[in-house]
Amino acid sequence: MSDLARRVAARYVEINGEHPMTPADDAYVERHFVTLDELCVGRDQTPDQIRAHMLAGRLPLPGYLRSDGAEMVPADLLELADRAGGIERLPAWFHSQWADRAKAAAEWRSYLSGQYVCLRSVRPDTIIRKDRLTSAITEALADPKPESMLWRARLHILVDELESVELPFTGYDRLRFGGPTSRDTLIDSVRDRYPLDNPWTSRSGSDVPADLAC
């Protein structure tokens, strides 16, 4: 392991905490992510060059560290940089996708953390779309009308759209995020609570989900 790889791993643990990756977690990340070595195949950049960009805050940290220590990253990790005209131009290009400077800065910090593992493709447009969908679902749940088939149909349209941009998550995510994920509370739970083809049954507790990390 190179010195840069050790430093990336240390930064990763600093952000995510120390949680064991199970065989099921490993299988999940192998299905949805690639290793840093695989990412660099056919490109000019070496893994250590990518690690240096990660440590300098120009590229996101790995989404996961597999149980053997391999850095797992999205297969399209470098596509945003390509679209921006290079890694050095990525920060300015990324910020320009939001009119609100404070929001842009917050999203850039979240992006660099590597914790946007909820999205099938981590891009400003999918981040914005996810935010709008989670807000719309949360608003609908704050004023539920389960007796209305129209309300439930509209809710399911939002849930289906959210699922189209989100990955399934794995058990490790519930440990590092300290609780249920957005899929748990805004997709699976909503479908269970408000099915389209069955009468709604009241349950105790609030329908409005708590704030989620991803």
C-alpha atoms as a PDB file:
ATOM      1  CA  MET A   1       0.000   0.000   0.000  1.00  0.00           C
ATOM      2  CA  SER A   2       1.370   3.396  -0.976  1.00  0.00           C
ATOM      3  CA  ASP A   3       1.654   6.300   1.451  1.00  0.00           C
ATOM      4  CA  LEU A   4      -1.107   8.114  -0.433  1.00  0.00           C
ATOM      5  CA  ALA A   5      -3.372   5.056  -0.145  1.00  0.00           C
ATOM      6  CA  ARG A   6      -2.797   4.985   3.627  1.00  0.00           C
ATOM      7  CA  ARG A   7      -3.639   8.679   3.864  1.00  0.00           C
ATOM      8  CA  VAL A   8      -6.822   8.238   1.830  1.00  0.00           C
ATOM      9  CA  ALA A   9      -7.854   5.334   4.068  1.00  0.00           C
ATOM     10  CA  ALA A  10      -7.214   7.423   7.183  1.00  0.00           C
ATOM     11  CA  ARG A  11      -9.282  10.314   5.799  1.00  0.00           C
ATOM     12  CA  TYR A  12     -12.054   7.898   4.868  1.00  0.00           C
ATOM     13  CA  VAL A  13     -12.210   6.473   8.402  1.00  0.00           C
ATOM     14  CA  GLU A  14     -12.136   9.986   9.854  1.00  0.00           C
ATOM     15  CA  ILE A  15     -15.299  10.825   7.906  1.00  0.00           C
ATOM     16  CA  ASN A  16     -17.160   7.499   8.019  1.00  0.00           C
ATOM     17  CA  GLY A  17     -15.979   5.943  11.268  1.00  0.00           C
ATOM     18  CA  GLU A  18     -14.715   2.399  11.683  1.00  0.00           C
ATOM     19  CA  HIS A  19     -17.371  -0.146  10.752  1.00  0.00           C
ATOM     20  CA  PRO A  20     -16.751  -3.689   9.486  1.00  0.00           C
ATOM     21  CA  MET A  21     -17.599  -4.521   5.896  1.00  0.00           C
ATOM     22  CA  THR A  22     -19.403  -7.870   5.755  1.00  0.00           C
ATOM     23  CA  PRO A  23     -19.262 -10.301   2.824  1.00  0.00           C
ATOM     24  CA  ALA A  24     -22.712  -8.983   1.813  1.00  0.00           C
ATOM     25  CA  ASP A  25     -21.367  -5.411   1.876  1.00  0.00           C
ATOM     26  CA  ASP A  26     -18.382  -6.442  -0.249  1.00  0.00           C
ATOM     27  CA  ALA A  27     -20.641  -8.148  -2.778  1.00  0.00           C
ATOM     28  CA  TYR A  28     -22.826  -5.037  -2.955  1.00  0.00           C
ATOM     29  CA  VAL A  29     -19.989  -2.614  -3.629  1.00  0.00           C
ATOM     30  CA  GLU A  30     -18.416  -4.946  -6.180  1.00  0.00           C
ATOM     31  CA  ARG A  31     -21.739  -4.935  -8.024  1.00  0.00           C
ATOM     32  CA  HIS A  32     -22.231  -1.162  -8.039  1.00  0.00           C
ATOM     33  CA  PHE A  33     -18.716   0.320  -7.858  1.00  0.00           C
ATOM     34  CA  VAL A  34     -15.226  -0.280  -9.260  1.00  0.00           C
ATOM     35  CA  THR A  35     -11.815  -0.295  -7.636  1.00  0.00           C
ATOM     36  CA  LEU A  36      -9.594   2.739  -8.060  1.00  0.00           C
ATOM     37  CA  ASP A  37      -7.190   0.586 -10.079  1.00  0.00           C
ATOM     38  CA  GLU A  38     -10.017  -0.415 -12.426  1.00  0.00           C
ATOM     39  CA  LEU A  39     -11.080   3.225 -12.795  1.00  0.00           C
ATOM     40  CA  CYS A  40      -7.645   4.175 -14.069  1.00  0.00           C
ATOM     41  CA  VAL A  41      -7.419   1.474 -16.747  1.00  0.00           C
ATOM     42  CA  GLY A  42      -7.067   3.183 -20.126  1.00  0.00           C
ATOM     43  CA  ARG A  43      -6.639   6.647 -18.608  1.00  0.00           C
ATOM     44  CA  ASP A  44      -3.601   8.872 -18.219  1.00  0.00           C
ATOM     45  CA  GLN A  45      -4.046   9.220 -14.449  1.00  0.00           C
ATOM     46  CA  THR A  46      -2.547   6.668 -12.068  1.00  0.00           C
ATOM     47  CA  PRO A  47      -4.269   5.575  -8.844  1.00  0.00           C
ATOM     48  CA  ASP A  48      -1.787   7.611  -6.779  1.00  0.00           C
ATOM     49  CA  GLN A  49      -2.485  10.705  -8.873  1.00  0.00           C
ATOM     50  CA  ILE A  50      -6.212  10.266  -8.217  1.00  0.00           C
ATOM     51  CA  ARG A  51      -5.488   9.771  -4.505  1.00  0.00           C
ATOM     52  CA  ALA A  52      -3.485  13.010  -4.475  1.00  0.00           C
ATOM     53  CA  HIS A  53      -6.468  14.841  -5.988  1.00  0.00           C
ATOM     54  CA  MET A  54      -8.732  13.310  -3.348  1.00  0.00           C
ATOM     55  CA  LEU A  55      -6.490  14.450  -0.515  1.00  0.00           C
ATOM     56  CA  ALA A  56      -6.208  17.940  -2.031  1.00  0.00           C
ATOM     57  CA  GLY A  57      -9.999  18.303  -2.180  1.00  0.00           C
ATOM     58  CA  ARG A  58     -10.281  18.187  -5.967  1.00  0.00           C
ATOM     59  CA  LEU A  59     -11.975  14.787  -6.258  1.00  0.00           C
ATOM     60  CA  PRO A  60     -14.279  12.828  -3.908  1.00  0.00           C
ATOM     61  CA  LEU A  61     -12.943  10.253  -1.495  1.00  0.00           C
ATOM     62  CA  PRO A  62     -13.864   6.612  -2.176  1.00  0.00           C
ATOM     63  CA  GLY A  63     -17.467   5.697  -1.563  1.00  0.00           C
ATOM     64  CA  TYR A  64     -16.401   2.562   0.294  1.00  0.00           C
ATOM     65  CA  LEU A  65     -13.301   0.737   1.483  1.00  0.00           C
ATOM     66  CA  ARG A  66     -13.827  -2.942   0.749  1.00  0.00           C
ATOM     67  CA  SER A  67     -12.922  -5.333   3.571  1.00  0.00           C
ATOM     68  CA  ASP A  68      -9.529  -5.944   1.924  1.00  0.00           C
ATOM     69  CA  GLY A  69      -8.861  -2.193   1.862  1.00  0.00           C
ATOM     70  CA  ALA A  70      -9.566  -1.627  -1.841  1.00  0.00           C
ATOM     71  CA  GLU A  71     -10.875   1.860  -2.591  1.00  0.00           C
ATOM     72  CA  MET A  72     -14.278   1.510  -4.282  1.00  0.00           C
ATOM     73  CA  VAL A  73     -15.406   4.428  -6.421  1.00  0.00           C
ATOM     74  CA  PRO A  74     -18.194   5.132  -8.937  1.00  0.00           C
ATOM     75  CA  ALA A  75     -17.342   3.996 -12.455  1.00  0.00           C
ATOM     76  CA  ASP A  76     -18.118   7.531 -13.694  1.00  0.00           C
ATOM     77  CA  LEU A  77     -16.024   9.286 -11.026  1.00  0.00           C
ATOM     78  CA  LEU A  78     -13.920  11.175 -13.581  1.00  0.00           C
ATOM     79  CA  GLU A  79     -16.698  12.003 -16.039  1.00  0.00           C
ATOM     80  CA  LEU A  80     -17.625  15.248 -14.284  1.00  0.00           C
ATOM     81  CA  ALA A  81     -14.015  16.390 -14.439  1.00  0.00           C
ATOM     82  CA  ASP A  82     -13.951  15.545 -18.136  1.00  0.00           C
ATOM     83  CA  ARG A  83     -17.134  17.561 -18.648  1.00  0.00           C
ATOM     84  CA  ALA A  84     -15.674  20.493 -16.706  1.00  0.00           C
ATOM     85  CA  GLY A  85     -12.543  20.522 -18.855  1.00  0.00           C
ATOM     86  CA  GLY A  86     -10.198  18.924 -16.339  1.00  0.00           C
ATOM     87  CA  ILE A  87      -9.855  18.149 -12.646  1.00  0.00           C
ATOM     88  CA  GLU A  88      -8.489  21.633 -11.903  1.00  0.00           C
ATOM     89  CA  ARG A  89     -11.640  23.210 -13.382  1.00  0.00           C
ATOM     90  CA  LEU A  90     -14.072  20.862 -11.662  1.00  0.00           C
ATOM     91  CA  PRO A  91     -14.643  22.895  -8.451  1.00  0.00           C
ATOM     92  CA  ALA A  92     -15.643  26.076 -10.305  1.00  0.00           C
ATOM     93  CA  TRP A  93     -17.797  24.147 -12.784  1.00  0.00           C
ATOM     94  CA  PHE A  94     -19.515  22.227  -9.985  1.00  0.00           C
ATOM     95  CA  HIS A  95     -20.264  25.397  -8.005  1.00  0.00           C
ATOM     96  CA  SER A  96     -21.717  27.052 -11.106  1.00  0.00           C
ATOM     97  CA  GLN A  97     -24.547  24.506 -11.215  1.00  0.00           C
ATOM     98  CA  TRP A  98     -26.238  26.202  -8.223  1.00  0.00           C
ATOM     99  CA  ALA A  99     -27.410  29.808  -8.108  1.00  0.00           C
ATOM    100  CA  ASP A 100     -27.152  29.806  -4.310  1.00  0.00           C
ATOM    101  CA  ARG A 101     -23.456  30.049  -3.416  1.00  0.00           C
ATOM    102  CA  ALA A 102     -23.930  28.676   0.095  1.00  0.00           C
ATOM    103  CA  LYS A 103     -25.837  25.683  -1.249  1.00  0.00           C
ATOM    104  CA  ALA A 104     -23.161  25.121  -3.910  1.00  0.00           C
ATOM    105  CA  ALA A 105     -20.426  25.157  -1.265  1.00  0.00           C
ATOM    106  CA  ALA A 106     -22.342  22.730   0.956  1.00  0.00           C
ATOM    107  CA  GLU A 107     -22.962  20.353  -1.930  1.00  0.00           C
ATOM    108  CA  TRP A 108     -19.290  20.494  -2.937  1.00  0.00           C
ATOM    109  CA  ARG A 109     -18.298  19.491   0.597  1.00  0.00           C
ATOM    110  CA  SER A 110     -20.786  16.614   0.514  1.00  0.00           C
ATOM    111  CA  TYR A 111     -19.530  15.584  -2.909  1.00  0.00           C
ATOM    112  CA  LEU A 112     -15.896  15.523  -1.758  1.00  0.00           C
ATOM    113  CA  SER A 113     -16.770  13.372   1.268  1.00  0.00           C
ATOM    114  CA  GLY A 114     -17.569  10.462  -1.041  1.00  0.00           C
ATOM    115  CA  GLN A 115     -20.787   9.867   0.875  1.00  0.00           C
ATOM    116  CA  TYR A 116     -23.102  10.475  -2.067  1.00  0.00           C
ATOM    117  CA  VAL A 117     -23.316   6.700  -2.402  1.00  0.00           C
ATOM    118  CA  CYS A 118     -27.091   6.956  -2.619  1.00  0.00           C
ATOM    119  CA  LEU A 119     -26.997   8.067  -6.267  1.00  0.00           C
ATOM    120  CA  ARG A 120     -26.562   5.848  -9.287  1.00  0.00           C
ATOM    121  CA  SER A 121     -24.642   8.713 -10.910  1.00  0.00           C
ATOM    122  CA  VAL A 122     -23.275  11.535  -8.768  1.00  0.00           C
ATOM    123  CA  ARG A 123     -23.802  14.696 -10.807  1.00  0.00           C
ATOM    124  CA  PRO A 124     -25.221  18.114  -9.942  1.00  0.00           C
ATOM    125  CA  ASP A 125     -28.427  17.378 -11.867  1.00  0.00           C
ATOM    126  CA  THR A 126     -29.040  14.104 -10.026  1.00  0.00           C
ATOM    127  CA  ILE A 127     -28.189  15.719  -6.679  1.00  0.00           C
ATOM    128  CA  ILE A 128     -30.709  18.487  -7.391  1.00  0.00           C
ATOM    129  CA  ARG A 129     -33.302  15.992  -8.589  1.00  0.00           C
ATOM    130  CA  LYS A 130     -32.874  13.858  -5.456  1.00  0.00           C
ATOM    131  CA  ASP A 131     -33.252  16.937  -3.232  1.00  0.00           C
ATOM    132  CA  ARG A 132     -36.457  17.965  -4.990  1.00  0.00           C
ATOM    133  CA  LEU A 133     -37.926  14.486  -4.803  1.00  0.00           C
ATOM    134  CA  THR A 134     -37.076  13.961  -1.128  1.00  0.00           C
ATOM    135  CA  SER A 135     -38.570  17.373  -0.318  1.00  0.00           C
ATOM    136  CA  ALA A 136     -41.731  16.603  -2.278  1.00  0.00           C
ATOM    137  CA  ILE A 137     -42.161  13.209  -0.611  1.00  0.00           C
ATOM    138  CA  THR A 138     -41.522  14.683   2.833  1.00  0.00           C
ATOM    139  CA  GLU A 139     -44.092  17.430   2.202  1.00  0.00           C
ATOM    140  CA  ALA A 140     -46.652  14.869   1.063  1.00  0.00           C
ATOM    141  CA  LEU A 141     -46.071  12.775   4.179  1.00  0.00           C
ATOM    142  CA  ALA A 142     -46.457  15.851   6.393  1.00  0.00           C
ATOM    143  CA  ASP A 143     -50.072  16.209   5.187  1.00  0.00           C
ATOM    144  CA  PRO A 144     -51.156  12.656   4.388  1.00  0.00           C
ATOM    145  CA  LYS A 145     -54.420  11.911   2.601  1.00  0.00           C
ATOM    146  CA  PRO A 146     -54.324   8.105   2.522  1.00  0.00           C
ATOM    147  CA  GLU A 147     -58.015   7.846   1.763  1.00  0.00           C
ATOM    148  CA  SER A 148     -57.361   9.623  -1.556  1.00  0.00           C
ATOM    149  CA  MET A 149     -56.304   7.330  -4.382  1.00  0.00           C
ATOM    150  CA  LEU A 150     -55.043  10.395  -6.267  1.00  0.00           C
ATOM    151  CA  TRP A 151     -52.809  11.420  -3.337  1.00  0.00           C
ATOM    152  CA  ARG A 152     -51.383   7.898  -3.065  1.00  0.00           C
ATOM    153  CA  ALA A 153     -50.831   7.682  -6.825  1.00  0.00           C
ATOM    154  CA  ARG A 154     -48.944  10.972  -6.853  1.00  0.00           C
ATOM    155  CA  LEU A 155     -46.899   9.857  -3.847  1.00  0.00           C
ATOM    156  CA  HIS A 156     -45.941   6.629  -5.602  1.00  0.00           C
ATOM    157  CA  ILE A 157     -44.882   8.536  -8.723  1.00  0.00           C
ATOM    158  CA  LEU A 158     -42.464  10.556  -6.585  1.00  0.00           C
ATOM    159  CA  VAL A 159     -41.209   7.427  -4.824  1.00  0.00           C
ATOM    160  CA  ASP A 160     -40.667   5.635  -8.140  1.00  0.00           C
ATOM    161  CA  GLU A 161     -38.716   8.614  -9.489  1.00  0.00           C
ATOM    162  CA  LEU A 162     -36.549   8.689  -6.369  1.00  0.00           C
ATOM    163  CA  GLU A 163     -35.841   4.991  -6.739  1.00  0.00           C
ATOM    164  CA  SER A 164     -34.755   5.576 -10.344  1.00  0.00           C
ATOM    165  CA  VAL A 165     -31.851   7.776  -9.185  1.00  0.00           C
ATOM    166  CA  GLU A 166     -30.937   5.919  -5.985  1.00  0.00           C
ATOM    167  CA  LEU A 167     -28.942   2.782  -5.349  1.00  0.00           C
ATOM    168  CA  PRO A 168     -30.275   0.115  -2.947  1.00  0.00           C
ATOM    169  CA  PHE A 169     -27.717   0.829  -0.140  1.00  0.00           C
ATOM    170  CA  THR A 170     -26.121  -1.866   1.998  1.00  0.00           C
ATOM    171  CA  GLY A 171     -25.967  -2.650   5.706  1.00  0.00           C
ATOM    172  CA  TYR A 172     -22.697  -0.765   6.124  1.00  0.00           C
ATOM    173  CA  ASP A 173     -24.436   2.471   5.126  1.00  0.00           C
ATOM    174  CA  ARG A 174     -26.867   2.241   8.039  1.00  0.00           C
ATOM    175  CA  LEU A 175     -23.877   2.000  10.381  1.00  0.00           C
ATOM    176  CA  ARG A 176     -21.898   4.930   9.004  1.00  0.00           C
ATOM    177  CA  PHE A 177     -24.966   7.152   8.627  1.00  0.00           C
ATOM    178  CA  GLY A 178     -26.206   6.173  12.079  1.00  0.00           C
ATOM    179  CA  GLY A 179     -29.674   5.023  11.099  1.00  0.00           C
ATOM    180  CA  PRO A 180     -32.071   4.373   8.250  1.00  0.00           C
ATOM    181  CA  THR A 181     -31.253   5.591   4.770  1.00  0.00           C
ATOM    182  CA  SER A 182     -33.438   7.610   2.432  1.00  0.00           C
ATOM    183  CA  ARG A 183     -34.409   4.381   0.679  1.00  0.00           C
ATOM    184  CA  ASP A 184     -35.604   2.962   4.012  1.00  0.00           C
ATOM    185  CA  THR A 185     -37.742   5.944   4.961  1.00  0.00           C
ATOM    186  CA  LEU A 186     -38.753   7.502   1.638  1.00  0.00           C
ATOM    187  CA  ILE A 187     -39.128   4.458  -0.610  1.00  0.00           C
ATOM    188  CA  ASP A 188     -39.567   1.128   1.167  1.00  0.00           C
ATOM    189  CA  SER A 189     -41.445   2.464   4.201  1.00  0.00           C
ATOM    190  CA  VAL A 190     -43.717   4.657   2.097  1.00  0.00           C
ATOM    191  CA  ARG A 191     -44.687   1.782  -0.193  1.00  0.00           C
ATOM    192  CA  ASP A 192     -45.385  -0.402   2.814  1.00  0.00           C
ATOM    193  CA  ARG A 193     -47.435   2.241   4.622  1.00  0.00           C
ATOM    194  CA  TYR A 194     -49.361   3.544   1.626  1.00  0.00           C
ATOM    195  CA  PRO A 195     -49.821   0.707  -0.877  1.00  0.00           C
ATOM    196  CA  LEU A 196     -51.694   1.478  -4.054  1.00  0.00           C
ATOM    197  CA  ASP A 197     -53.728  -1.710  -4.100  1.00  0.00           C
ATOM    198  CA  ASN A 198     -54.748  -2.060  -0.436  1.00  0.00           C
ATOM    199  CA  PRO A 199     -56.712   0.063   2.023  1.00  0.00           C
ATOM    200  CA  TRP A 200     -54.554   2.227   4.205  1.00  0.00           C
ATOM    201  CA  THR A 201     -54.236   1.215   7.826  1.00  0.00           C
ATOM    202  CA  SER A 202     -53.283   3.819  10.416  1.00  0.00           C
ATOM    203  CA  ARG A 203     -50.098   3.196  12.357  1.00  0.00           C
ATOM    204  CA  SER A 204     -48.613   4.988  15.305  1.00  0.00           C
ATOM    205  CA  GLY A 205     -45.699   7.361  14.927  1.00  0.00           C
ATOM    206  CA  SER A 206     -44.887  10.235  12.637  1.00  0.00           C
ATOM    207  CA  ASP A 207     -44.873   9.742   8.877  1.00  0.00           C
ATOM    208  CA  VAL A 208     -42.387  12.557   8.355  1.00  0.00           C
ATOM    209  CA  PRO A 209     -38.836  11.136   8.147  1.00  0.00           C
ATOM    210  CA  ALA A 210     -35.976  12.597  10.130  1.00  0.00           C
ATOM    211  CA  ASP A 211     -33.129  14.340   8.336  1.00  0.00           C
ATOM    212  CA  LEU A 212     -31.051  11.887   6.346  1.00  0.00           C
ATOM    213  CA  ALA A 213     -27.386  11.904   5.424  1.00  0.00           C
ATOM    214  CA  CYS A 214     -28.049  10.211   2.094  1.00  0.00           C
END
